[in-house]
C-alpha cells in the first residue's frame, strides 16, 4: 500500500510549471497565441491542435440538451411503471428495471454525472487510462460540490430552518403573516443572507421556506415558475454584499484584490435595488393570486406537525455554530467534513428535537455539481478566447458573459476571465456583472440552483421545464443587467 501511495504522490506533472498530472485539458497559456488573432481563429487553432477539445465540447452540449429533455425521460418512466403495474398487479413487490433506469435519466441532478461516461470514453480514446485517472482523481477540484452537500444538510436541519423561519417571520408579521407577506420576506431576506452564510445555504433555507409557506398551498403554474425564476436570480445577485459568498466573485477576489468594500460599492448596493425592484414587479403581477392563497394557508395552518414544535435555543445556537464552522472552512474539505461528522453525532444525541437529516437531496445536488465541474474544466479552450479576445467593448463583454453563464457555471466563467492578465478594471467588472446577473437563467448557471430545484421540484407535476424557468428568470435578469450598466461605480470610470 505504501508503495502505491508513494508512486501516486511522486508522479511528475504532465506540464512543467503546472500542477496537473493529466495531459488534458492543456493549460491555456501553452497554446500558441497571435496578438491579432480573433476569437474564432483561436478556437479553430485549438481544435486542430487537440481534437479531444471538440469531442469534450460536443459531449458537454449533449449533456446540456439532455437537461432540457429530462421531462421526456420521466414521462416515459411513468408509462413503463404504469404498464408494469397493469401486467403484474398493483400489489406486486417487483420493480420495473427500465422504469427506474429512465427515471434516473430524467433526474436533472444526474445528467452531468451520466455524461461523464461519454467523456471518459473520449479521454480513453485520445489519451488513455492513466490520464483519465489523473484528471478525475487529481486535477479536478471537488471542494465546492463537497461543501454544498455539507452546507445543504446542515442548513436543512430543523433547528436552523426554525431559526430562519422565526427571523423572516418577524418581517412577514409586518404584513400580518399572509402568504404574500411571507413570499416577499423570503424572496428579499433569504437571498441577501447569502452574502453572510454563502449562497448554497441561503438557497436551501429560502427553498425550504417557500416550499412550506407558498408551494404547499398549490399555486398556479405561472406563480410557481415565477417564484422559482425570481428565487434563482435573487440568490445569484444577493451574494454580492461581500467578497466571499458568491462563487463567481470568490473566484476572482484574490487575483484581482477585490475586498468586501469594493464588491459592495460596485455591485452589492445595486443588486439590493435589483432585488427590491424584481420582487415589487412580480408582486404586482401575482398580487391577486397571492392574496387568494390566504384561504389555503388558513386550512394548512390547522395541520400541526412535530416539525412545528419549538426547538431549545441552545440547540439552535449549536447548529448555527456548525453552519459558521462550515462557512469559515469552506476551502478545506477535511475540516468541514470533520465538522459534519461531529454535527451528525450531535443530531443523534438530541434527536428528540431534530428531524431526520435527509442526505438524498444534498448528495444528488453534489453529484450534479461534481459532474458539471468535470465537464466544465474541459470547456476553457473555447470560453477563454470569447471572454478575452481583443475588440470586445465592456458592454459586449458583460452581455457575452451573461450568455455564456446560461450554459455553464458562472464561477467557471469568472475563473477563466481571471486568467487573462490584460483586462481593464471595467472589463473585470463587466465579466463578473454578466456572470452574477444571468445566474438564474438555467439550473446550471449558478452552483446553488440545483439545490433549489431539487427541493422545490416536487411541486412541479412533470418536473421543472428549463424553458419555462428561463422565461420566468428573464425579466429579473434584464433588470439586474440594466442596473449594473446604468448605475455608475468606481470600476466603471
Protein backbone atom coordinates (compact mmCIF):
# COMPACT_ATOMS: atom_id res chain seq x y z
CA UNK A 1 0.00 0.00 0.00
CA UNK A 2 2.79 2.44 0.89
CA UNK A 3 4.42 1.75 -2.47
CA UNK A 4 1.27 2.72 -4.33
CA UNK A 5 0.85 5.85 -2.23
CA UNK A 6 4.44 6.87 -2.90
CA UNK A 7 4.03 6.34 -6.64
CA UNK A 8 0.93 8.50 -6.79
CA UNK A 9 2.47 11.39 -4.85
CA UNK A 10 5.77 11.47 -6.74
CA UNK A 11 4.25 11.31 -10.22
CA UNK A 12 5.56 14.18 -12.35
CA UNK A 13 3.11 16.79 -13.66
CA UNK A 14 2.14 16.44 -17.31
CA UNK A 15 3.20 20.03 -17.98
CA UNK A 16 6.23 21.59 -16.31
CA UNK A 17 5.27 24.58 -14.19
CA UNK A 18 1.68 23.33 -13.77
CA UNK A 19 0.34 21.07 -11.05
CA UNK A 20 -1.90 18.93 -13.24
CA UNK A 21 -0.91 15.30 -13.81
CA UNK A 22 -3.15 14.67 -16.84
CA UNK A 23 -2.27 15.67 -20.39
CA UNK A 24 -5.77 17.10 -20.83
CA UNK A 25 -7.08 19.72 -20.88
CA UNK A 26 -3.98 21.55 -22.00
CA UNK A 27 -3.20 24.65 -19.88
CA UNK A 28 -4.39 27.70 -21.79
CA UNK A 29 -1.06 29.63 -21.71
CA UNK A 30 0.61 26.74 -23.55
CA UNK A 31 -1.49 27.23 -26.68
CA UNK A 32 0.20 29.37 -29.37
CA UNK A 33 -1.35 32.80 -29.49
CA UNK A 34 -1.17 35.57 -32.07
CA UNK A 35 -1.97 39.03 -30.78
CA UNK A 36 -4.04 39.84 -33.85
CA UNK A 37 -6.00 36.57 -33.89
CA UNK A 38 -9.74 36.77 -33.35
CA UNK A 39 -11.73 34.53 -31.05
CA UNK A 40 -12.96 32.22 -33.81
CA UNK A 41 -9.45 31.84 -35.24
CA UNK A 42 -8.07 30.92 -31.81
CA UNK A 43 -10.85 28.37 -31.29
CA UNK A 44 -10.12 26.77 -34.68
CA UNK A 45 -6.41 26.55 -33.92
CA UNK A 46 -7.00 24.93 -30.55
CA UNK A 47 -9.48 22.46 -32.02
CA UNK A 48 -6.93 21.42 -34.64
CA UNK A 49 -4.13 21.08 -32.07
CA UNK A 50 -6.19 18.83 -29.79
CA UNK A 51 -9.26 17.06 -31.29
CA UNK A 52 -10.22 15.95 -27.78
CA UNK A 53 -11.33 19.55 -27.21
CA UNK A 54 -14.02 19.18 -29.86
CA UNK A 55 -15.16 15.79 -28.53
CA UNK A 56 -15.40 17.11 -24.94
CA UNK A 57 -17.44 20.13 -26.04
CA UNK A 58 -19.83 18.04 -28.15
CA UNK A 59 -20.40 15.79 -25.13
CA UNK A 60 -20.98 18.85 -22.93
CA UNK A 61 -23.53 20.26 -25.40
CA UNK A 62 -25.34 16.91 -25.48
CA UNK A 63 -25.45 16.93 -21.66
CA UNK A 64 -26.95 20.44 -21.69
CA UNK A 65 -29.56 19.32 -24.24
CA UNK A 66 -30.28 16.31 -22.01
CA UNK A 67 -31.27 18.66 -19.17
CA UNK A 68 -33.90 20.19 -21.48
CA UNK A 69 -35.22 16.71 -22.34
CA UNK A 70 -35.29 15.35 -18.78
CA UNK A 71 -39.09 15.55 -18.61
CA UNK A 72 -39.34 13.29 -21.69
CA UNK A 73 -37.41 10.57 -19.87
CA UNK A 74 -39.52 10.99 -16.73
CA UNK A 75 -42.78 10.74 -18.67
CA UNK A 76 -41.58 7.55 -20.38
CA UNK A 77 -40.58 6.15 -16.98
CA UNK A 78 -44.12 6.78 -15.70
CA UNK A 79 -45.58 4.97 -18.72
CA UNK A 80 -43.29 1.98 -18.14
CA UNK A 81 -44.20 1.90 -14.45
CA UNK A 82 -47.91 2.02 -15.27
CA UNK A 83 -47.58 -0.81 -17.78
CA UNK A 84 -45.56 -2.81 -15.24
CA UNK A 85 -48.27 -2.45 -12.58
CA UNK A 86 -51.02 -3.34 -15.04
CA UNK A 87 -49.17 -6.53 -16.00
CA UNK A 88 -48.11 -7.66 -12.50
CA UNK A 89 -50.90 -6.13 -10.46
CA UNK A 90 -50.96 -3.16 -8.05
CA UNK A 91 -49.79 -5.27 -5.09
CA UNK A 92 -46.63 -6.58 -6.75
CA UNK A 93 -43.32 -6.06 -4.99
CA UNK A 94 -41.40 -6.41 -8.25
CA UNK A 95 -39.65 -3.30 -9.55
CA UNK A 96 -39.63 -2.31 -13.21
CA UNK A 97 -35.93 -2.13 -14.05
CA UNK A 98 -36.35 0.01 -17.16
CA UNK A 99 -38.79 2.36 -15.44
CA UNK A 100 -36.17 3.05 -12.77
CA UNK A 101 -33.46 3.49 -15.44
CA UNK A 102 -35.50 6.04 -17.40
CA UNK A 103 -36.49 7.82 -14.21
CA UNK A 104 -32.80 8.17 -13.35
CA UNK A 105 -32.12 9.56 -16.83
CA UNK A 106 -34.91 12.04 -16.15
CA UNK A 107 -33.34 13.37 -12.95
CA UNK A 108 -31.72 16.70 -13.82
CA UNK A 109 -29.28 16.26 -10.94
CA UNK A 110 -27.97 13.04 -12.51
CA UNK A 111 -27.49 14.32 -16.07
CA UNK A 112 -23.91 15.59 -15.99
CA UNK A 113 -22.79 12.63 -13.92
CA UNK A 114 -24.22 10.25 -16.52
CA UNK A 115 -22.43 12.03 -19.36
CA UNK A 116 -19.11 11.59 -17.56
CA UNK A 117 -19.15 8.06 -19.00
CA UNK A 118 -19.10 9.54 -22.51
CA UNK A 119 -16.35 12.00 -21.56
CA UNK A 120 -14.36 9.15 -20.01
CA UNK A 121 -14.71 7.18 -23.24
CA UNK A 122 -13.36 10.10 -25.25
CA UNK A 123 -10.49 10.57 -22.81
CA UNK A 124 -9.59 6.89 -23.01
CA UNK A 125 -9.65 7.05 -26.81
CA UNK A 126 -7.46 10.15 -27.11
CA UNK A 127 -5.21 9.78 -24.05
CA UNK A 128 -5.62 6.54 -22.10
CA UNK A 129 -6.45 5.32 -18.61
CA UNK A 130 -3.58 6.98 -16.76
CA UNK A 131 -4.54 10.47 -17.95
CA UNK A 132 -8.24 9.84 -17.22
CA UNK A 133 -7.40 8.62 -13.71
CA UNK A 134 -5.13 11.60 -13.06
CA UNK A 135 -7.69 14.08 -14.40
CA UNK A 136 -10.59 12.97 -12.20
CA UNK A 137 -8.51 11.74 -9.27
CA UNK A 138 -6.08 14.66 -9.03
CA UNK A 139 -6.65 17.60 -11.35
CA UNK A 140 -10.37 18.25 -10.85
CA UNK A 141 -11.24 20.19 -7.69
CA UNK A 142 -14.30 18.79 -5.91
CA UNK A 143 -14.25 21.11 -2.89
CA UNK A 144 -17.34 23.08 -3.94
CA UNK A 145 -19.58 20.02 -4.52
CA UNK A 146 -18.49 18.61 -1.14
CA UNK A 147 -19.14 21.94 0.55
CA UNK A 148 -22.62 22.21 -0.99
CA UNK A 149 -23.52 18.71 0.25
CA UNK A 150 -22.49 19.56 3.82
CA UNK A 151 -23.98 23.06 4.00
CA UNK A 152 -27.27 21.85 2.49
CA UNK A 153 -27.58 19.06 5.03
CA UNK A 154 -26.86 21.37 7.97
CA UNK A 155 -28.96 24.28 6.67
CA UNK A 156 -31.93 21.94 6.14
CA UNK A 157 -31.83 20.72 9.74
CA UNK A 158 -34.87 21.54 11.83
CA UNK A 159 -33.17 23.95 14.30
CA UNK A 160 -31.63 26.06 11.50
CA UNK A 161 -34.86 26.17 9.50
CA UNK A 162 -36.84 27.10 12.62
CA UNK A 163 -34.38 29.91 13.37
CA UNK A 164 -34.55 31.27 9.82
CA UNK A 165 -38.31 30.93 9.79
CA UNK A 166 -38.52 32.84 13.07
CA UNK A 167 -36.34 35.69 11.81
CA UNK A 168 -38.09 36.02 8.46
CA UNK A 169 -41.44 35.52 10.20
CA UNK A 170 -40.89 38.70 12.21
CA UNK A 171 -40.65 40.63 8.95
CA UNK A 172 -43.64 38.77 7.49
CA UNK A 173 -45.61 39.73 10.62
CA UNK A 174 -45.43 43.36 9.46
CA UNK A 175 -47.71 42.22 6.66
CA UNK A 176 -49.92 40.18 9.03
CA UNK A 177 -48.08 36.96 8.08
CA UNK A 178 -50.17 36.42 4.96
CA UNK A 179 -48.80 34.23 2.13
CA UNK A 180 -48.00 37.43 0.23
CA UNK A 181 -46.03 38.77 3.22
CA UNK A 182 -44.14 35.50 3.56
CA UNK A 183 -43.46 35.47 -0.19
CA UNK A 184 -41.97 38.96 -0.15
CA UNK A 185 -39.99 38.37 3.05
CA UNK A 186 -38.45 35.09 1.92
CA UNK A 187 -37.52 36.38 -1.55
CA UNK A 188 -35.96 39.53 -0.09
CA UNK A 189 -34.20 38.48 3.10
CA UNK A 190 -33.33 34.92 2.09
CA UNK A 191 -31.14 35.83 -0.93
CA UNK A 192 -29.40 38.65 0.95
CA UNK A 193 -28.47 36.18 3.69
CA UNK A 194 -26.34 34.53 1.02
CA UNK A 195 -23.75 37.28 1.48
CA UNK A 196 -23.14 36.01 5.03
CA UNK A 197 -23.90 32.29 5.10
CA UNK A 198 -22.99 31.63 1.40
CA UNK A 199 -25.40 31.28 -1.49
CA UNK A 200 -25.93 27.48 -1.23
CA UNK A 201 -27.09 27.82 2.39
CA UNK A 202 -29.33 30.78 1.53
CA UNK A 203 -30.83 28.87 -1.40
CA UNK A 204 -31.54 25.85 0.81
CA UNK A 205 -33.27 27.87 3.53
CA UNK A 206 -35.24 30.02 1.07
CA UNK A 207 -36.41 27.00 -0.93
CA UNK A 208 -37.47 25.11 2.18
CA UNK A 209 -39.46 28.08 3.49
CA UNK A 210 -41.05 28.71 0.10
CA UNK A 211 -41.97 25.02 -0.08
CA UNK A 212 -43.72 25.23 3.28
CA UNK A 213 -45.26 28.70 3.03
CA UNK A 214 -46.11 29.04 -0.67
CA UNK A 215 -45.77 25.87 -2.74
CA UNK A 216 -47.68 23.74 -0.24
CA UNK A 217 -50.68 25.96 -0.97
CA UNK A 218 -50.66 24.71 -4.59
CA UNK A 219 -50.10 27.96 -6.53
CA UNK A 220 -50.74 28.22 -10.27
CA UNK A 221 -48.01 27.19 -12.71
CA UNK A 222 -47.36 30.83 -13.53
CA UNK A 223 -46.77 31.75 -9.89
CA UNK A 224 -44.77 28.57 -9.27
CA UNK A 225 -42.37 29.26 -12.15
CA UNK A 226 -42.29 33.00 -11.49
CA UNK A 227 -41.28 32.37 -7.87
CA UNK A 228 -38.62 29.83 -8.86
CA UNK A 229 -37.09 32.10 -11.50
CA UNK A 230 -37.13 35.05 -9.11
CA UNK A 231 -35.53 32.97 -6.37
CA UNK A 232 -32.70 31.84 -8.66
CA UNK A 233 -31.94 35.37 -9.86
CA UNK A 234 -32.19 36.91 -6.39
CA UNK A 235 -29.86 34.34 -4.84
CA UNK A 236 -27.34 34.81 -7.64
CA UNK A 237 -27.20 38.58 -7.15
CA UNK A 238 -27.85 38.53 -3.39
CA UNK A 239 -24.38 37.22 -2.58
CA UNK A 240 -22.70 40.40 -3.80
CA UNK A 241 -22.72 42.27 -0.49
CA UNK A 242 -19.43 40.56 0.43
CA UNK A 243 -16.46 39.17 -1.50
CA UNK A 244 -16.53 35.62 -0.10
CA UNK A 245 -20.08 34.29 -0.52
CA UNK A 246 -20.87 34.29 -4.26
CA UNK A 247 -18.79 31.66 -6.13
CA UNK A 248 -18.19 33.84 -9.25
CA UNK A 249 -16.81 36.67 -7.07
CA UNK A 250 -14.85 34.33 -4.84
CA UNK A 251 -13.01 33.05 -7.92
CA UNK A 252 -11.57 36.48 -8.72
CA UNK A 253 -11.37 38.15 -5.30
CA UNK A 254 -7.77 37.08 -4.59
CA UNK A 255 -6.15 37.55 -8.04
CA UNK A 256 -7.89 40.89 -8.61
CA UNK A 257 -7.54 42.07 -4.99
CA UNK A 258 -11.26 42.63 -4.51
CA UNK A 259 -12.46 43.08 -0.93
CA UNK A 260 -15.94 43.46 0.56
CA UNK A 261 -15.88 47.27 0.34
CA UNK A 262 -15.04 47.19 -3.37
CA UNK A 263 -17.62 44.48 -4.19
CA UNK A 264 -20.40 46.17 -2.24
CA UNK A 265 -19.53 49.63 -3.59
CA UNK A 266 -19.58 48.48 -7.21
CA UNK A 267 -22.21 45.73 -7.25
CA UNK A 268 -23.77 44.94 -3.89
CA UNK A 269 -25.91 48.03 -3.37
CA UNK A 270 -27.12 47.86 -6.98
CA UNK A 271 -28.21 44.27 -6.52
CA UNK A 272 -30.15 45.18 -3.37
CA UNK A 273 -32.03 47.65 -5.55
CA UNK A 274 -32.47 44.94 -8.22
CA UNK A 275 -33.97 42.50 -5.70
CA UNK A 276 -36.41 45.14 -4.43
CA UNK A 277 -37.48 46.10 -7.97
CA UNK A 278 -37.80 42.47 -9.10
CA UNK A 279 -39.86 41.49 -6.07
CA UNK A 280 -42.11 44.54 -6.44
CA UNK A 281 -42.67 43.85 -10.14
CA UNK A 282 -43.54 40.17 -9.62
CA UNK A 283 -45.70 41.00 -6.60
CA UNK A 284 -47.75 43.41 -8.73
CA UNK A 285 -48.06 40.70 -11.38
CA UNK A 286 -49.21 37.98 -8.96
CA UNK A 287 -50.79 40.05 -6.18
CA UNK A 288 -54.32 38.76 -6.75
CA UNK A 289 -53.29 35.11 -6.59
CA UNK A 290 -51.01 35.70 -3.60
CA UNK A 291 -53.87 37.35 -1.73
CA UNK A 292 -56.14 34.46 -2.72
CA UNK A 293 -53.76 31.94 -1.15
CA UNK A 294 -54.73 33.17 2.31
CA UNK A 295 -57.69 30.77 2.39
CA UNK A 296 -55.48 27.77 1.62
CA UNK A 297 -53.00 29.00 4.23
CA UNK A 298 -55.73 29.04 6.88
CA UNK A 299 -56.58 25.40 6.21
CA UNK A 300 -52.92 24.38 6.13
CA UNK A 301 -52.18 26.05 9.47
CA UNK A 302 -54.56 23.64 11.21
CA UNK A 303 -52.36 20.68 10.27
CA UNK A 304 -49.81 20.85 13.10
CA UNK A 305 -46.82 18.51 12.84
CA UNK A 306 -43.91 17.70 15.13
CA UNK A 307 -41.71 19.93 12.95
CA UNK A 308 -43.75 22.94 14.15
CA UNK A 309 -42.76 22.37 17.78
CA UNK A 310 -40.29 24.80 19.35
CA UNK A 311 -36.56 23.98 19.46
CA UNK A 312 -34.47 25.00 22.52
CA UNK A 313 -32.16 27.94 21.95
CA UNK A 314 -29.01 26.05 22.99
CA UNK A 315 -29.59 23.53 20.19
CA UNK A 316 -30.29 26.28 17.66
CA UNK A 317 -27.10 28.11 18.66
CA UNK A 318 -25.09 24.89 18.35
CA UNK A 319 -26.45 24.27 14.85
CA UNK A 320 -25.67 27.84 13.85
CA UNK A 321 -22.16 27.22 15.13
CA UNK A 322 -21.85 24.26 12.77
CA UNK A 323 -23.07 26.48 9.91
CA UNK A 324 -20.46 29.10 10.82
CA UNK A 325 -17.69 26.49 11.00
CA UNK A 326 -18.62 25.06 7.61
CA UNK A 327 -18.66 28.52 6.00
CA UNK A 328 -15.40 29.51 7.71
CA UNK A 329 -13.60 26.36 6.49
CA UNK A 330 -15.29 26.12 3.09
CA UNK A 331 -11.95 25.76 1.26
CA UNK A 332 -10.76 22.89 3.44
CA UNK A 333 -12.77 19.67 2.95
CA UNK A 334 -11.01 17.79 5.75
CA UNK A 335 -12.14 20.45 8.23
CA UNK A 336 -15.75 20.93 7.16
CA UNK A 337 -16.34 17.21 6.58
CA UNK A 338 -14.85 16.53 10.03
CA UNK A 339 -17.18 19.16 11.46
CA UNK A 340 -20.11 17.47 9.74
CA UNK A 341 -19.28 14.17 11.47
CA UNK A 342 -19.47 15.94 14.83
CA UNK A 343 -22.73 17.55 13.66
CA UNK A 344 -24.24 14.14 12.91
CA UNK A 345 -23.22 12.97 16.36
CA UNK A 346 -24.87 15.99 17.96
CA UNK A 347 -28.06 15.38 15.97
CA UNK A 348 -28.12 11.78 17.20
CA UNK A 349 -27.70 12.91 20.81
CA UNK A 350 -30.54 15.46 20.51
CA UNK A 351 -32.82 13.57 18.13
CA UNK A 352 -35.94 14.38 20.15
CA UNK A 353 -35.52 17.97 18.93
CA UNK A 354 -34.49 17.02 15.40
CA UNK A 355 -36.00 15.85 12.16
CA UNK A 356 -34.29 13.15 10.16
CA UNK A 357 -31.28 14.53 8.28
CA UNK A 358 -32.13 13.77 4.66
CA UNK A 359 -28.98 13.25 2.61
CA UNK A 360 -30.56 12.17 -0.68
CA UNK A 361 -31.16 15.71 -1.96
CA UNK A 362 -27.74 17.09 -0.92
CA UNK A 363 -25.99 14.07 -2.45
CA UNK A 364 -27.88 14.45 -5.74
CA UNK A 365 -27.00 18.14 -5.88
CA UNK A 366 -23.38 17.35 -5.08
CA UNK A 367 -23.38 14.73 -7.85
CA UNK A 368 -24.76 17.32 -10.27
CA UNK A 369 -22.10 19.89 -9.38
CA UNK A 370 -19.30 17.32 -9.47
CA UNK A 371 -20.36 16.28 -12.96
CA UNK A 372 -20.52 19.93 -14.04
CA UNK A 373 -17.00 20.54 -12.70
CA UNK A 374 -15.62 17.52 -14.58
CA UNK A 375 -17.17 18.67 -17.85
CA UNK A 376 -16.69 22.39 -17.31
CA UNK A 377 -12.93 22.22 -16.90
CA UNK A 378 -12.70 20.84 -20.44
CA UNK A 379 -14.54 23.87 -21.91
CA UNK A 380 -11.94 26.52 -21.11
CA UNK A 381 -10.33 26.19 -24.56
CA UNK A 382 -13.25 27.94 -26.28
CA UNK A 383 -14.74 30.04 -23.46
CA UNK A 384 -11.49 31.87 -22.68
CA UNK A 385 -10.98 33.41 -26.16
CA UNK A 386 -14.61 34.53 -26.26
CA UNK A 387 -14.10 36.40 -22.99
CA UNK A 388 -10.63 37.80 -23.56
CA UNK A 389 -10.17 38.32 -27.30
CA UNK A 390 -9.48 41.87 -28.37
CA UNK A 391 -12.23 44.08 -29.76
CA UNK A 392 -15.00 43.46 -27.23
CA UNK A 393 -16.36 46.54 -25.50
CA UNK A 394 -17.14 46.21 -21.77
CA UNK A 395 -20.86 46.21 -22.56
CA UNK A 396 -20.41 43.41 -25.11
CA UNK A 397 -18.25 41.58 -22.59
CA UNK A 398 -20.99 41.83 -19.94
CA UNK A 399 -23.64 40.52 -22.32
CA UNK A 400 -21.32 37.79 -23.60
CA UNK A 401 -20.54 36.71 -20.03
CA UNK A 402 -24.28 36.59 -19.30
CA UNK A 403 -24.96 34.39 -22.33
CA UNK A 404 -22.09 32.02 -21.51
CA UNK A 405 -23.27 31.81 -17.91
CA UNK A 406 -26.63 30.44 -19.06
CA UNK A 407 -24.83 27.37 -20.41
CA UNK A 408 -22.05 26.95 -17.87
CA UNK A 409 -21.44 27.61 -14.19
CA UNK A 410 -20.89 31.33 -13.60
CA UNK A 411 -17.93 30.65 -11.31
CA UNK A 412 -16.18 28.89 -14.22
CA UNK A 413 -16.76 31.94 -16.41
CA UNK A 414 -15.15 34.37 -13.97
CA UNK A 415 -12.34 31.93 -13.20
CA UNK A 416 -11.37 31.87 -16.88
CA UNK A 417 -11.52 35.65 -17.05
CA UNK A 418 -9.14 35.82 -14.09
CA UNK A 419 -6.53 34.03 -16.19
CA UNK A 420 -6.33 36.98 -18.60
CA UNK A 421 -3.66 39.46 -17.42
CA UNK A 422 -4.70 42.40 -19.64
CA UNK A 423 -8.30 43.02 -18.59
CA UNK A 424 -9.09 46.59 -17.53
CA UNK A 425 -10.95 47.27 -14.30
CA UNK A 426 -14.14 47.95 -16.24
CA UNK A 427 -13.71 44.70 -18.22
CA UNK A 428 -13.29 42.75 -14.96
CA UNK A 429 -16.43 44.39 -13.63
CA UNK A 430 -18.29 43.54 -16.84
CA UNK A 431 -17.41 39.83 -16.76
CA UNK A 432 -18.46 39.41 -13.13
CA UNK A 433 -21.58 41.53 -13.60
CA UNK A 434 -22.72 39.37 -16.51
CA UNK A 435 -21.99 36.18 -14.58
CA UNK A 436 -23.97 37.12 -11.46
CA UNK A 437 -26.90 38.72 -13.30
CA UNK A 438 -27.52 35.65 -15.51
CA UNK A 439 -27.06 33.15 -12.69
CA UNK A 440 -30.78 32.39 -12.55
CA UNK A 441 -31.44 31.64 -16.20
CA UNK A 442 -30.79 27.89 -16.02
CA UNK A 443 -30.21 25.26 -13.37
CA UNK A 444 -26.53 25.02 -14.39
CA UNK A 445 -25.87 28.77 -14.35
CA UNK A 446 -25.15 29.04 -10.61
CA UNK A 447 -23.97 26.38 -8.16
CA UNK A 448 -26.87 26.83 -5.66
CA UNK A 449 -29.57 26.43 -8.34
CA UNK A 450 -29.61 22.61 -8.31
CA UNK A 451 -30.28 22.77 -4.56
CA UNK A 452 -33.31 24.99 -5.05
CA UNK A 453 -34.65 22.92 -7.93
CA UNK A 454 -34.13 19.67 -6.04
CA UNK A 455 -36.09 20.98 -3.02
CA UNK A 456 -38.91 22.63 -4.99
CA UNK A 457 -39.04 20.24 -7.94
CA UNK A 458 -41.57 18.00 -6.18
CA UNK A 459 -44.15 20.78 -6.55
CA UNK A 460 -43.97 20.61 -10.36
CA UNK A 461 -46.00 17.65 -11.60
CA UNK A 462 -43.87 16.88 -14.66
CA UNK A 463 -40.64 18.37 -13.36
CA UNK A 464 -39.21 21.84 -13.87
CA UNK A 465 -39.19 22.89 -17.53
CA UNK A 466 -35.85 24.58 -18.41
CA UNK A 467 -37.56 26.78 -21.00
CA UNK A 468 -40.26 27.98 -18.60
CA UNK A 469 -37.62 28.58 -15.93
CA UNK A 470 -35.58 30.70 -18.35
CA UNK A 471 -38.64 32.74 -19.29
CA UNK A 472 -39.52 33.25 -15.62
CA UNK A 473 -35.99 34.48 -14.87
CA UNK A 474 -35.63 36.65 -17.98
CA UNK A 475 -37.16 39.91 -16.73
CA UNK A 476 -35.33 39.91 -13.34
CA UNK A 477 -32.10 39.14 -15.21
CA UNK A 478 -32.61 42.06 -17.60
CA UNK A 479 -33.36 44.40 -14.69
CA UNK A 480 -30.13 43.32 -12.95
CA UNK A 481 -28.11 43.84 -16.15
CA UNK A 482 -29.60 47.29 -16.77
CA UNK A 483 -28.83 48.43 -13.21
CA UNK A 484 -25.27 47.13 -13.45
CA UNK A 485 -24.77 49.06 -16.70
CA UNK A 486 -26.64 52.27 -15.88
CA UNK A 487 -25.68 52.95 -12.25
CA UNK A 488 -22.14 54.23 -12.18
CA UNK A 489 -19.41 52.97 -9.84
CA UNK A 490 -15.61 53.41 -9.42
CA UNK A 491 -14.71 50.40 -11.61
CA UNK A 492 -16.79 51.82 -14.46
CA UNK A 493 -14.88 55.10 -14.69
